[in-house]
Amino acid sequence: NLIELHDDKIKMTKEGRDYSLQVIRNHRLWEKFLAEETGVKEIDWHAEAEHAEHHMSPEEADELAAKIGNPLIDPHGDPIPTSDGIMPERRGKLITELRENEYAEIIHLEDEPREIYKELVDEGLYPGMYIQMKGITKGHILFIANGKGFKIKSECGSNISVSSITQEFKIEQEYRSLSTLNVGESGRIFGISNAVRGKQRRRLLDFGIVPGTDIVPCLVSFSGEPIAYNIRGTSIALRKEQTDLIFIEDENNE
């Protein structure tokens, strides 16, 4: 039995708790797998994992965990229960608890309700993003990240958990997106956003998208994208959804 009646209250039995933790483990491992090993869109990870969570045995979950490196958190920043039923403690605080000009790292994006999560995804937020809080005003949360300002609705704040950081990361004007380069301009790769995961990230690295490498947009297709870039003596084609997440330093500003 998964539940029992005790003093007129319904409580979960040990078997019920163990089963629930196993379902959570299955769900979060599958989301991590989708993020790292497939091309499934981020907004669809949760729904896909809901289909898989009840159809995976503990042994299959352990095999999947080993395959993807025994992760401790899922791609949203949620802790993954261990195989022996231990749920790691979630850390952090809500973004709305940050002081003005305080630096922090986004460590968790709650994926429910779907509508709010989609707003956060569309804004380009992700766990691992460093931010500087600017304040809350007129129903919006203001902060700086990845070289630009963000303005999100206050009701989205309960879906964003952060961890304060003491180091003042140079996040305001340190770099810009590759997509802002015009044909003929030259930039130098600063890095790839942590929002780029798994196979997509490995593919960009294989193209030579690594820090310190010079890159120049050289040809725009008739429809506007993809754009051809010259890097290390060869040409590669990239779409804007990719170049928005590749950061560069201006050679002219060095």
C-alpha atoms as a PDB file:
ATOM      1  CA  ASN A   1       0.000   0.000   0.000  1.00  0.00           C
ATOM      2  CA  LEU A   2       1.185   3.484  -0.887  1.00  0.00           C
ATOM      3  CA  ILE A   3      -1.048   5.419   1.531  1.00  0.00           C
ATOM      4  CA  GLU A   4      -2.722   4.736   4.854  1.00  0.00           C
ATOM      5  CA  LEU A   5      -5.348   6.364   7.075  1.00  0.00           C
ATOM      6  CA  HIS A   6      -3.955   7.520  10.411  1.00  0.00           C
ATOM      7  CA  ASP A   7      -5.963   9.646  12.886  1.00  0.00           C
ATOM      8  CA  ASP A   8      -8.406  10.509  10.115  1.00  0.00           C
ATOM      9  CA  LYS A   9      -5.535  11.775   7.996  1.00  0.00           C
ATOM     10  CA  ILE A  10      -4.181  10.237   4.822  1.00  0.00           C
ATOM     11  CA  LYS A  11      -0.452   9.642   5.070  1.00  0.00           C
ATOM     12  CA  MET A  12       2.061   8.118   2.717  1.00  0.00           C
ATOM     13  CA  THR A  13       3.543   4.784   3.753  1.00  0.00           C
ATOM     14  CA  LYS A  14       7.257   4.037   3.476  1.00  0.00           C
ATOM     15  CA  GLU A  15       6.502   2.093   0.305  1.00  0.00           C
ATOM     16  CA  GLY A  16       4.595   5.101  -1.016  1.00  0.00           C
ATOM     17  CA  ARG A  17       7.453   7.449  -0.225  1.00  0.00           C
ATOM     18  CA  ASP A  18      10.000   5.126  -1.845  1.00  0.00           C
ATOM     19  CA  TYR A  19       7.848   4.845  -4.950  1.00  0.00           C
ATOM     20  CA  SER A  20       7.378   8.625  -5.157  1.00  0.00           C
ATOM     21  CA  LEU A  21      11.120   9.244  -4.883  1.00  0.00           C
ATOM     22  CA  GLN A  22      11.751   6.671  -7.602  1.00  0.00           C
ATOM     23  CA  VAL A  23       9.266   8.406  -9.919  1.00  0.00           C
ATOM     24  CA  ILE A  24      10.925  11.759  -9.227  1.00  0.00           C
ATOM     25  CA  ARG A  25      14.336  10.197  -9.884  1.00  0.00           C
ATOM     26  CA  ASN A  26      13.107   8.718 -13.172  1.00  0.00           C
ATOM     27  CA  HIS A  27      11.548  12.008 -14.237  1.00  0.00           C
ATOM     28  CA  ARG A  28      14.575  14.172 -13.521  1.00  0.00           C
ATOM     29  CA  LEU A  29      17.064  11.718 -14.991  1.00  0.00           C
ATOM     30  CA  TRP A  30      15.001  11.565 -18.171  1.00  0.00           C
ATOM     31  CA  GLU A  31      14.877  15.362 -18.382  1.00  0.00           C
ATOM     32  CA  LYS A  32      18.653  15.438 -18.013  1.00  0.00           C
ATOM     33  CA  PHE A  33      18.987  12.847 -20.758  1.00  0.00           C
ATOM     34  CA  LEU A  34      16.728  14.850 -23.068  1.00  0.00           C
ATOM     35  CA  ALA A  35      18.750  18.004 -22.398  1.00  0.00           C
ATOM     36  CA  GLU A  36      22.165  16.443 -22.922  1.00  0.00           C
ATOM     37  CA  GLU A  37      21.636  13.772 -25.552  1.00  0.00           C
ATOM     38  CA  THR A  38      18.692  14.802 -27.747  1.00  0.00           C
ATOM     39  CA  GLY A  39      17.340  17.733 -29.707  1.00  0.00           C
ATOM     40  CA  VAL A  40      14.046  17.891 -27.806  1.00  0.00           C
ATOM     41  CA  LYS A  41      13.112  21.513 -27.115  1.00  0.00           C
ATOM     42  CA  GLU A  42      13.539  22.743 -23.548  1.00  0.00           C
ATOM     43  CA  ILE A  43       9.870  23.620 -23.155  1.00  0.00           C
ATOM     44  CA  ASP A  44       8.965  19.982 -23.923  1.00  0.00           C
ATOM     45  CA  TRP A  45      11.330  18.210 -21.502  1.00  0.00           C
ATOM     46  CA  HIS A  46       8.805  18.056 -18.667  1.00  0.00           C
ATOM     47  CA  ALA A  47       5.974  16.580 -20.737  1.00  0.00           C
ATOM     48  CA  GLU A  48       8.274  14.014 -22.337  1.00  0.00           C
ATOM     49  CA  ALA A  49       9.625  12.974 -18.921  1.00  0.00           C
ATOM     50  CA  GLU A  50       6.101  12.557 -17.545  1.00  0.00           C
ATOM     51  CA  HIS A  51       5.512   9.850 -20.150  1.00  0.00           C
ATOM     52  CA  ALA A  52       8.685   8.001 -19.168  1.00  0.00           C
ATOM     53  CA  GLU A  53       8.693   8.326 -15.377  1.00  0.00           C
ATOM     54  CA  HIS A  54       6.291   5.425 -14.662  1.00  0.00           C
ATOM     55  CA  HIS A  55       7.818   3.035 -17.186  1.00  0.00           C
ATOM     56  CA  MET A  56      11.384   2.866 -15.933  1.00  0.00           C
ATOM     57  CA  SER A  57      12.562   0.284 -13.406  1.00  0.00           C
ATOM     58  CA  PRO A  58      15.108   1.227 -10.717  1.00  0.00           C
ATOM     59  CA  GLU A  59      17.704  -0.802 -12.625  1.00  0.00           C
ATOM     60  CA  GLU A  60      16.972   1.060 -15.845  1.00  0.00           C
ATOM     61  CA  ALA A  61      17.165   4.378 -14.005  1.00  0.00           C
ATOM     62  CA  ASP A  62      20.585   3.432 -12.626  1.00  0.00           C
ATOM     63  CA  GLU A  63      21.775   2.505 -16.120  1.00  0.00           C
ATOM     64  CA  LEU A  64      20.542   5.817 -17.494  1.00  0.00           C
ATOM     65  CA  ALA A  65      22.202   7.735 -14.645  1.00  0.00           C
ATOM     66  CA  ALA A  66      25.528   6.028 -15.346  1.00  0.00           C
ATOM     67  CA  LYS A  67      25.202   6.767 -19.055  1.00  0.00           C
ATOM     68  CA  ILE A  68      24.860  10.516 -18.463  1.00  0.00           C
ATOM     69  CA  GLY A  69      27.474  10.765 -15.711  1.00  0.00           C
ATOM     70  CA  ASN A  70      25.391  10.269 -12.553  1.00  0.00           C
ATOM     71  CA  PRO A  71      24.163  13.884 -12.406  1.00  0.00           C
ATOM     72  CA  LEU A  72      23.170  15.466  -9.098  1.00  0.00           C
ATOM     73  CA  ILE A  73      20.679  17.954 -10.572  1.00  0.00           C
ATOM     74  CA  ASP A  74      18.343  17.994 -13.556  1.00  0.00           C
ATOM     75  CA  PRO A  75      18.559  20.675 -16.277  1.00  0.00           C
ATOM     76  CA  HIS A  76      16.162  22.943 -14.359  1.00  0.00           C
ATOM     77  CA  GLY A  77      18.368  22.819 -11.246  1.00  0.00           C
ATOM     78  CA  ASP A  78      16.202  20.380  -9.265  1.00  0.00           C
ATOM     79  CA  PRO A  79      18.092  17.810  -7.136  1.00  0.00           C
ATOM     80  CA  ILE A  80      17.886  14.208  -8.355  1.00  0.00           C
ATOM     81  CA  PRO A  81      17.114  11.614  -5.638  1.00  0.00           C
ATOM     82  CA  THR A  82      19.851   9.028  -5.206  1.00  0.00           C
ATOM     83  CA  SER A  83      19.329   5.355  -6.022  1.00  0.00           C
ATOM     84  CA  ASP A  84      18.961   4.616  -2.290  1.00  0.00           C
ATOM     85  CA  GLY A  85      16.152   7.152  -1.862  1.00  0.00           C
ATOM     86  CA  ILE A  86      17.940  10.207  -0.508  1.00  0.00           C
ATOM     87  CA  MET A  87      16.708  13.578  -1.730  1.00  0.00           C
ATOM     88  CA  PRO A  88      19.518  16.163  -1.735  1.00  0.00           C
ATOM     89  CA  GLU A  89      18.626  19.452  -0.084  1.00  0.00           C
ATOM     90  CA  ARG A  90      17.727  22.297  -2.408  1.00  0.00           C
ATOM     91  CA  ARG A  91      19.710  25.476  -1.759  1.00  0.00           C
ATOM     92  CA  GLY A  92      19.265  29.079  -2.752  1.00  0.00           C
ATOM     93  CA  LYS A  93      16.603  31.763  -2.479  1.00  0.00           C
ATOM     94  CA  LEU A  94      14.143  33.524  -4.744  1.00  0.00           C
ATOM     95  CA  ILE A  95      15.433  36.202  -7.098  1.00  0.00           C
ATOM     96  CA  THR A  96      13.089  38.687  -5.419  1.00  0.00           C
ATOM     97  CA  GLU A  97      15.131  38.359  -2.210  1.00  0.00           C
ATOM     98  CA  LEU A  98      18.253  39.822  -3.834  1.00  0.00           C
ATOM     99  CA  ARG A  99      19.436  43.282  -2.845  1.00  0.00           C
ATOM    100  CA  GLU A 100      19.995  46.009  -5.415  1.00  0.00           C
ATOM    101  CA  ASN A 101      23.317  45.496  -7.282  1.00  0.00           C
ATOM    102  CA  GLU A 102      23.820  42.085  -5.639  1.00  0.00           C
ATOM    103  CA  TYR A 103      25.440  39.428  -7.821  1.00  0.00           C
ATOM    104  CA  ALA A 104      23.994  35.932  -8.043  1.00  0.00           C
ATOM    105  CA  GLU A 105      23.819  32.752 -10.084  1.00  0.00           C
ATOM    106  CA  ILE A 106      20.501  31.340 -11.275  1.00  0.00           C
ATOM    107  CA  ILE A 107      20.407  27.797  -9.889  1.00  0.00           C
ATOM    108  CA  HIS A 108      16.832  26.718 -10.557  1.00  0.00           C
ATOM    109  CA  LEU A 109      13.970  27.490 -12.932  1.00  0.00           C
ATOM    110  CA  GLU A 110      10.657  25.967 -11.899  1.00  0.00           C
ATOM    111  CA  ASP A 111       9.013  24.391 -14.956  1.00  0.00           C
ATOM    112  CA  GLU A 112       5.439  24.641 -13.722  1.00  0.00           C
ATOM    113  CA  PRO A 113       3.161  26.291 -14.570  1.00  0.00           C
ATOM    114  CA  ARG A 114       4.187  25.772 -18.180  1.00  0.00           C
ATOM    115  CA  GLU A 115       3.102  29.276 -19.249  1.00  0.00           C
ATOM    116  CA  ILE A 116       5.458  31.033 -16.842  1.00  0.00           C
ATOM    117  CA  TYR A 117       8.294  28.620 -17.580  1.00  0.00           C
ATOM    118  CA  LYS A 118       7.874  29.298 -21.303  1.00  0.00           C
ATOM    119  CA  GLU A 119       8.206  33.024 -20.623  1.00  0.00           C
ATOM    120  CA  LEU A 120      11.494  32.421 -18.812  1.00  0.00           C
ATOM    121  CA  VAL A 121      12.791  30.171 -21.595  1.00  0.00           C
ATOM    122  CA  ASP A 122      11.773  32.706 -24.235  1.00  0.00           C
ATOM    123  CA  GLU A 123      13.666  35.371 -22.279  1.00  0.00           C
ATOM    124  CA  GLY A 124      16.767  33.183 -22.510  1.00  0.00           C
ATOM    125  CA  LEU A 125      17.160  32.429 -18.793  1.00  0.00           C
ATOM    126  CA  TYR A 126      18.871  29.229 -17.667  1.00  0.00           C
ATOM    127  CA  PRO A 127      20.515  27.680 -14.588  1.00  0.00           C
ATOM    128  CA  GLY A 128      24.145  28.751 -14.454  1.00  0.00           C
ATOM    129  CA  MET A 129      23.455  32.293 -15.673  1.00  0.00           C
ATOM    130  CA  TYR A 130      25.222  35.010 -13.660  1.00  0.00           C
ATOM    131  CA  ILE A 131      23.168  38.108 -12.975  1.00  0.00           C
ATOM    132  CA  GLN A 132      23.351  41.467 -11.231  1.00  0.00           C
ATOM    133  CA  MET A 133      20.114  42.540  -9.589  1.00  0.00           C
ATOM    134  CA  LYS A 134      19.003  46.076 -10.391  1.00  0.00           C
ATOM    135  CA  GLY A 135      15.690  46.186  -8.538  1.00  0.00           C
ATOM    136  CA  ILE A 136      11.946  45.589  -8.603  1.00  0.00           C
ATOM    137  CA  THR A 137       9.752  48.353  -9.953  1.00  0.00           C
ATOM    138  CA  LYS A 138       6.258  48.740 -11.396  1.00  0.00           C
ATOM    139  CA  GLY A 139       5.536  45.028 -11.386  1.00  0.00           C
ATOM    140  CA  HIS A 140       8.810  43.968 -12.990  1.00  0.00           C
ATOM    141  CA  ILE A 141      12.140  42.482 -11.895  1.00  0.00           C
ATOM    142  CA  LEU A 142      15.166  44.178 -13.436  1.00  0.00           C
ATOM    143  CA  PHE A 143      18.617  42.605 -13.723  1.00  0.00           C
ATOM    144  CA  ILE A 144      21.650  42.417 -15.991  1.00  0.00           C
ATOM    145  CA  ALA A 145      23.062  39.225 -17.499  1.00  0.00           C
ATOM    146  CA  ASN A 146      25.059  38.255 -20.578  1.00  0.00           C
ATOM    147  CA  GLY A 147      25.773  41.883 -21.376  1.00  0.00           C
ATOM    148  CA  LYS A 148      22.164  43.072 -21.543  1.00  0.00           C
ATOM    149  CA  GLY A 149      19.297  44.161 -19.349  1.00  0.00           C
ATOM    150  CA  PHE A 150      16.333  41.932 -18.507  1.00  0.00           C
ATOM    151  CA  LYS A 151      12.849  43.003 -17.447  1.00  0.00           C
ATOM    152  CA  ILE A 152      10.538  40.185 -16.387  1.00  0.00           C
ATOM    153  CA  LYS A 153       7.140  40.171 -14.734  1.00  0.00           C
ATOM    154  CA  SER A 154       7.153  40.062 -10.940  1.00  0.00           C
ATOM    155  CA  GLU A 155       4.884  37.003 -10.909  1.00  0.00           C
ATOM    156  CA  CYS A 156       7.694  35.061 -12.599  1.00  0.00           C
ATOM    157  CA  GLY A 157       9.967  35.673  -9.612  1.00  0.00           C
ATOM    158  CA  SER A 158       8.689  32.684  -7.640  1.00  0.00           C
ATOM    159  CA  ASN A 159       9.941  30.431 -10.465  1.00  0.00           C
ATOM    160  CA  ILE A 160      13.548  31.648 -10.271  1.00  0.00           C
ATOM    161  CA  SER A 161      15.914  30.544  -7.501  1.00  0.00           C
ATOM    162  CA  VAL A 162      19.385  32.038  -7.165  1.00  0.00           C
ATOM    163  CA  SER A 163      22.522  31.710  -5.079  1.00  0.00           C
ATOM    164  CA  SER A 164      24.406  34.849  -4.070  1.00  0.00           C
ATOM    165  CA  ILE A 165      28.020  35.088  -5.214  1.00  0.00           C
ATOM    166  CA  THR A 166      30.739  37.224  -3.674  1.00  0.00           C
ATOM    167  CA  GLN A 167      32.887  37.631  -6.796  1.00  0.00           C
ATOM    168  CA  GLU A 168      31.812  40.552  -8.955  1.00  0.00           C
ATOM    169  CA  PHE A 169      31.674  38.970 -12.381  1.00  0.00           C
ATOM    170  CA  LYS A 170      32.146  41.364 -15.261  1.00  0.00           C
ATOM    171  CA  ILE A 171      28.736  40.754 -16.717  1.00  0.00           C
ATOM    172  CA  GLU A 172      27.585  44.169 -17.900  1.00  0.00           C
ATOM    173  CA  GLN A 173      29.682  44.932 -20.996  1.00  0.00           C
ATOM    174  CA  GLU A 174      32.239  42.158 -21.089  1.00  0.00           C
ATOM    175  CA  TYR A 175      30.955  40.507 -24.230  1.00  0.00           C
ATOM    176  CA  ARG A 176      28.165  40.503 -26.765  1.00  0.00           C
ATOM    177  CA  SER A 177      26.430  37.911 -28.889  1.00  0.00           C
ATOM    178  CA  LEU A 178      27.976  36.703 -32.129  1.00  0.00           C
ATOM    179  CA  SER A 179      24.656  37.502 -33.823  1.00  0.00           C
ATOM    180  CA  THR A 180      25.397  41.238 -33.436  1.00  0.00           C
ATOM    181  CA  LEU A 181      28.422  41.106 -35.768  1.00  0.00           C
ATOM    182  CA  ASN A 182      27.919  42.469 -39.271  1.00  0.00           C
ATOM    183  CA  VAL A 183      29.427  40.884 -42.380  1.00  0.00           C
ATOM    184  CA  GLY A 184      33.126  41.734 -42.549  1.00  0.00           C
ATOM    185  CA  GLU A 185      33.444  42.621 -38.849  1.00  0.00           C
ATOM    186  CA  SER A 186      35.757  40.505 -36.742  1.00  0.00           C
ATOM    187  CA  GLY A 187      35.204  39.179 -33.262  1.00  0.00           C
ATOM    188  CA  ARG A 188      36.962  36.849 -30.871  1.00  0.00           C
ATOM    189  CA  ILE A 189      35.136  33.977 -29.179  1.00  0.00           C
ATOM    190  CA  PHE A 190      34.592  34.565 -25.474  1.00  0.00           C
ATOM    191  CA  GLY A 191      32.533  31.461 -24.754  1.00  0.00           C
ATOM    192  CA  ILE A 192      29.303  29.553 -25.222  1.00  0.00           C
ATOM    193  CA  SER A 193      26.267  30.077 -23.021  1.00  0.00           C
ATOM    194  CA  ASN A 194      25.518  27.384 -20.457  1.00  0.00           C
ATOM    195  CA  ALA A 195      22.087  27.208 -22.070  1.00  0.00           C
ATOM    196  CA  VAL A 196      23.735  25.280 -24.919  1.00  0.00           C
ATOM    197  CA  ARG A 197      23.968  21.665 -23.795  1.00  0.00           C
ATOM    198  CA  GLY A 198      24.801  18.175 -24.926  1.00  0.00           C
ATOM    199  CA  LYS A 199      25.137  17.406 -28.617  1.00  0.00           C
ATOM    200  CA  GLN A 200      24.574  20.985 -29.719  1.00  0.00           C
ATOM    201  CA  ARG A 201      27.411  22.207 -27.503  1.00  0.00           C
ATOM    202  CA  ARG A 202      29.756  19.448 -28.683  1.00  0.00           C
ATOM    203  CA  ARG A 203      28.924  20.297 -32.303  1.00  0.00           C
ATOM    204  CA  LEU A 204      29.857  23.960 -31.807  1.00  0.00           C
ATOM    205  CA  LEU A 205      33.107  22.959 -30.122  1.00  0.00           C
ATOM    206  CA  ASP A 206      33.882  20.650 -33.048  1.00  0.00           C
ATOM    207  CA  PHE A 207      33.373  23.644 -35.358  1.00  0.00           C
ATOM    208  CA  GLY A 208      36.132  25.430 -33.451  1.00  0.00           C
ATOM    209  CA  ILE A 209      33.867  27.694 -31.364  1.00  0.00           C
ATOM    210  CA  VAL A 210      36.333  27.899 -28.473  1.00  0.00           C
ATOM    211  CA  PRO A 211      37.576  30.875 -26.421  1.00  0.00           C
ATOM    212  CA  GLY A 212      40.245  33.009 -28.116  1.00  0.00           C
ATOM    213  CA  THR A 213      39.364  32.025 -31.676  1.00  0.00           C
ATOM    214  CA  ASP A 214      38.759  34.770 -34.242  1.00  0.00           C
ATOM    215  CA  ILE A 215      35.526  34.624 -36.237  1.00  0.00           C
ATOM    216  CA  VAL A 216      34.130  36.720 -39.103  1.00  0.00           C
ATOM    217  CA  PRO A 217      30.648  36.624 -40.690  1.00  0.00           C
ATOM    218  CA  CYS A 218      31.244  36.416 -44.429  1.00  0.00           C
ATOM    219  CA  LEU A 219      27.961  35.586 -46.171  1.00  0.00           C
ATOM    220  CA  VAL A 220      24.257  35.980 -45.426  1.00  0.00           C
ATOM    221  CA  SER A 221      21.790  33.627 -47.093  1.00  0.00           C
ATOM    222  CA  PHE A 222      18.898  35.037 -49.157  1.00  0.00           C
ATOM    223  CA  SER A 223      16.421  34.458 -46.301  1.00  0.00           C
ATOM    224  CA  GLY A 224      18.704  36.103 -43.736  1.00  0.00           C
ATOM    225  CA  GLU A 225      19.878  32.888 -42.081  1.00  0.00           C
ATOM    226  CA  PRO A 226      21.855  30.805 -41.714  1.00  0.00           C
ATOM    227  CA  ILE A 227      24.907  33.026 -41.922  1.00  0.00           C
ATOM    228  CA  ALA A 228      28.292  31.715 -43.025  1.00  0.00           C
ATOM    229  CA  TYR A 229      31.198  32.448 -40.686  1.00  0.00           C
ATOM    230  CA  ASN A 230      34.898  32.183 -41.399  1.00  0.00           C
ATOM    231  CA  ILE A 231      36.717  30.459 -38.552  1.00  0.00           C
ATOM    232  CA  ARG A 232      40.148  28.853 -38.618  1.00  0.00           C
ATOM    233  CA  GLY A 233      40.334  29.013 -42.403  1.00  0.00           C
ATOM    234  CA  THR A 234      37.010  27.329 -43.073  1.00  0.00           C
ATOM    235  CA  SER A 235      33.368  28.360 -43.347  1.00  0.00           C
ATOM    236  CA  ILE A 236      30.550  27.177 -41.099  1.00  0.00           C
ATOM    237  CA  ALA A 237      26.823  27.988 -41.231  1.00  0.00           C
ATOM    238  CA  LEU A 238      25.052  29.024 -38.047  1.00  0.00           C
ATOM    239  CA  ARG A 239      21.493  30.132 -37.280  1.00  0.00           C
ATOM    240  CA  LYS A 240      20.595  33.100 -35.094  1.00  0.00           C
ATOM    241  CA  GLU A 241      19.249  30.846 -32.329  1.00  0.00           C
ATOM    242  CA  GLN A 242      22.815  29.514 -32.078  1.00  0.00           C
ATOM    243  CA  THR A 243      24.741  32.784 -32.503  1.00  0.00           C
ATOM    244  CA  ASP A 244      22.616  34.484 -29.843  1.00  0.00           C
ATOM    245  CA  LEU A 245      24.223  32.062 -27.374  1.00  0.00           C
ATOM    246  CA  ILE A 246      27.825  32.434 -28.571  1.00  0.00           C
ATOM    247  CA  PHE A 247      29.603  35.340 -26.922  1.00  0.00           C
ATOM    248  CA  ILE A 248      32.422  37.400 -28.409  1.00  0.00           C
ATOM    249  CA  GLU A 249      34.825  40.165 -27.492  1.00  0.00           C
ATOM    250  CA  ASP A 250      35.304  43.022 -29.949  1.00  0.00           C
ATOM    251  CA  GLU A 251      38.835  42.951 -31.314  1.00  0.00           C
ATOM    252  CA  ASN A 252      38.639  46.707 -31.749  1.00  0.00           C
ATOM    253  CA  ASN A 253      38.106  47.122 -28.000  1.00  0.00           C
ATOM    254  CA  GLU A 254      41.188  45.257 -26.912  1.00  0.00           C
END
